[in-house]
């Protein structure tokens, strides 16, 4: 997903990449990729679920209020819906 986003956005600036603490996101390779593209990683500290509470809350609200129960017929419609929600 990160590679696809980088390909689509070309050279994004001031981007924060929010992830959970999955092994793939904590790996040296993934962290090096973030650094190589000047991206900033964001994840909770081990054992502290409140570090990213505002981001977690936002994505929860987005999913519950905007996405769940919807059947989007195209990505463009989904993107427009999410854009309007935000």
C-alpha atoms as a PDB file:
ATOM      1  CA  UNK A   1       0.000   0.000   0.000  1.00  0.00           C
ATOM      2  CA  UNK A   2       2.836   2.393   0.784  1.00  0.00           C
ATOM      3  CA  UNK A   3       4.491   1.744  -2.577  1.00  0.00           C
ATOM      4  CA  UNK A   4       1.199   2.372  -4.384  1.00  0.00           C
ATOM      5  CA  UNK A   5       0.618   5.609  -2.481  1.00  0.00           C
ATOM      6  CA  UNK A   6       4.140   6.791  -3.251  1.00  0.00           C
ATOM      7  CA  UNK A   7       3.697   5.948  -6.927  1.00  0.00           C
ATOM      8  CA  UNK A   8       0.377   7.789  -7.133  1.00  0.00           C
ATOM      9  CA  UNK A   9       1.387  10.848  -5.136  1.00  0.00           C
ATOM     10  CA  UNK A  10       4.868  11.109  -6.646  1.00  0.00           C
ATOM     11  CA  UNK A  11       6.793  13.078  -4.012  1.00  0.00           C
ATOM     12  CA  UNK A  12       4.451  13.873  -1.142  1.00  0.00           C
ATOM     13  CA  UNK A  13       5.568  16.447   1.423  1.00  0.00           C
ATOM     14  CA  UNK A  14       4.795  16.706   5.129  1.00  0.00           C
ATOM     15  CA  UNK A  15       3.042  13.328   5.198  1.00  0.00           C
ATOM     16  CA  UNK A  16       2.425  11.361   8.380  1.00  0.00           C
ATOM     17  CA  UNK A  17       1.895   7.627   7.861  1.00  0.00           C
ATOM     18  CA  UNK A  18      -0.288   6.238  10.667  1.00  0.00           C
ATOM     19  CA  UNK A  19       0.000   2.490  11.323  1.00  0.00           C
ATOM     20  CA  UNK A  20      -0.543   0.011  14.094  1.00  0.00           C
ATOM     21  CA  UNK A  21       2.405  -1.780  15.711  1.00  0.00           C
ATOM     22  CA  UNK A  22       2.391  -4.678  13.264  1.00  0.00           C
ATOM     23  CA  UNK A  23       5.736  -6.318  12.589  1.00  0.00           C
ATOM     24  CA  UNK A  24       5.810  -5.145   8.991  1.00  0.00           C
ATOM     25  CA  UNK A  25       5.525  -1.503  10.100  1.00  0.00           C
ATOM     26  CA  UNK A  26       8.168  -1.812  12.817  1.00  0.00           C
ATOM     27  CA  UNK A  27      10.660  -3.538  10.517  1.00  0.00           C
ATOM     28  CA  UNK A  28      13.917  -1.852   9.602  1.00  0.00           C
ATOM     29  CA  UNK A  29      13.041  -2.111   5.893  1.00  0.00           C
ATOM     30  CA  UNK A  30       9.719  -0.289   6.309  1.00  0.00           C
ATOM     31  CA  UNK A  31      11.247   2.377   8.533  1.00  0.00           C
ATOM     32  CA  UNK A  32      14.074   2.873   6.003  1.00  0.00           C
ATOM     33  CA  UNK A  33      11.502   3.269   3.240  1.00  0.00           C
ATOM     34  CA  UNK A  34       9.710   5.970   5.239  1.00  0.00           C
ATOM     35  CA  UNK A  35      12.993   7.764   5.823  1.00  0.00           C
ATOM     36  CA  UNK A  36      14.065   7.440   2.174  1.00  0.00           C
ATOM     37  CA  UNK A  37      10.863   9.190   1.058  1.00  0.00           C
ATOM     38  CA  UNK A  38      10.883  11.787   3.877  1.00  0.00           C
ATOM     39  CA  UNK A  39       7.706  10.387   5.411  1.00  0.00           C
ATOM     40  CA  UNK A  40       6.969  10.487   9.114  1.00  0.00           C
ATOM     41  CA  UNK A  41       5.774   7.302  10.793  1.00  0.00           C
ATOM     42  CA  UNK A  42       3.166   7.473  13.527  1.00  0.00           C
ATOM     43  CA  UNK A  43       2.286   4.612  15.849  1.00  0.00           C
ATOM     44  CA  UNK A  44       1.518   4.156  19.505  1.00  0.00           C
ATOM     45  CA  UNK A  45       4.322   3.411  21.902  1.00  0.00           C
ATOM     46  CA  UNK A  46       4.393  -0.193  23.051  1.00  0.00           C
ATOM     47  CA  UNK A  47       1.766  -0.714  25.715  1.00  0.00           C
ATOM     48  CA  UNK A  48       0.314   2.786  25.382  1.00  0.00           C
ATOM     49  CA  UNK A  49      -2.855   2.749  23.317  1.00  0.00           C
ATOM     50  CA  UNK A  50      -3.520   6.435  24.004  1.00  0.00           C
ATOM     51  CA  UNK A  51      -0.569   7.828  22.011  1.00  0.00           C
ATOM     52  CA  UNK A  52      -2.533   7.973  18.769  1.00  0.00           C
ATOM     53  CA  UNK A  53      -5.978   8.314  20.311  1.00  0.00           C
ATOM     54  CA  UNK A  54      -6.964  11.285  18.148  1.00  0.00           C
ATOM     55  CA  UNK A  55      -6.056   9.451  14.924  1.00  0.00           C
ATOM     56  CA  UNK A  56      -7.724   6.243  16.089  1.00  0.00           C
ATOM     57  CA  UNK A  57     -10.846   8.234  16.976  1.00  0.00           C
ATOM     58  CA  UNK A  58     -10.881   9.950  13.588  1.00  0.00           C
ATOM     59  CA  UNK A  59     -10.624   6.695  11.637  1.00  0.00           C
ATOM     60  CA  UNK A  60     -13.290   5.097  13.827  1.00  0.00           C
ATOM     61  CA  UNK A  61     -15.659   7.990  13.146  1.00  0.00           C
ATOM     62  CA  UNK A  62     -14.858   7.919   9.432  1.00  0.00           C
ATOM     63  CA  UNK A  63     -15.631   4.211   9.216  1.00  0.00           C
ATOM     64  CA  UNK A  64     -18.800   4.321  11.320  1.00  0.00           C
ATOM     65  CA  UNK A  65     -20.302   7.551   9.981  1.00  0.00           C
ATOM     66  CA  UNK A  66     -19.195   7.419   6.367  1.00  0.00           C
ATOM     67  CA  UNK A  67     -18.142   3.968   5.159  1.00  0.00           C
ATOM     68  CA  UNK A  68     -19.890   1.118   7.010  1.00  0.00           C
ATOM     69  CA  UNK A  69     -23.065  -0.018   5.304  1.00  0.00           C
ATOM     70  CA  UNK A  70     -22.289   1.847   2.089  1.00  0.00           C
ATOM     71  CA  UNK A  71     -21.857   0.101  -1.242  1.00  0.00           C
ATOM     72  CA  UNK A  72     -19.736   2.291  -3.457  1.00  0.00           C
ATOM     73  CA  UNK A  73     -20.015   1.519  -7.154  1.00  0.00           C
ATOM     74  CA  UNK A  74     -16.649   3.087  -7.944  1.00  0.00           C
ATOM     75  CA  UNK A  75     -13.510   4.299  -6.235  1.00  0.00           C
ATOM     76  CA  UNK A  76     -14.200   7.800  -7.478  1.00  0.00           C
ATOM     77  CA  UNK A  77     -17.547   7.889  -5.663  1.00  0.00           C
ATOM     78  CA  UNK A  78     -15.941   6.504  -2.522  1.00  0.00           C
ATOM     79  CA  UNK A  79     -13.142   9.098  -2.682  1.00  0.00           C
ATOM     80  CA  UNK A  80     -15.641  11.925  -3.165  1.00  0.00           C
ATOM     81  CA  UNK A  81     -17.726  10.667  -0.236  1.00  0.00           C
ATOM     82  CA  UNK A  82     -14.691  10.480   2.061  1.00  0.00           C
ATOM     83  CA  UNK A  83     -13.442  13.875   0.838  1.00  0.00           C
ATOM     84  CA  UNK A  84     -16.820  15.470   1.586  1.00  0.00           C
ATOM     85  CA  UNK A  85     -16.909  13.812   5.009  1.00  0.00           C
ATOM     86  CA  UNK A  86     -13.494  15.169   5.927  1.00  0.00           C
END
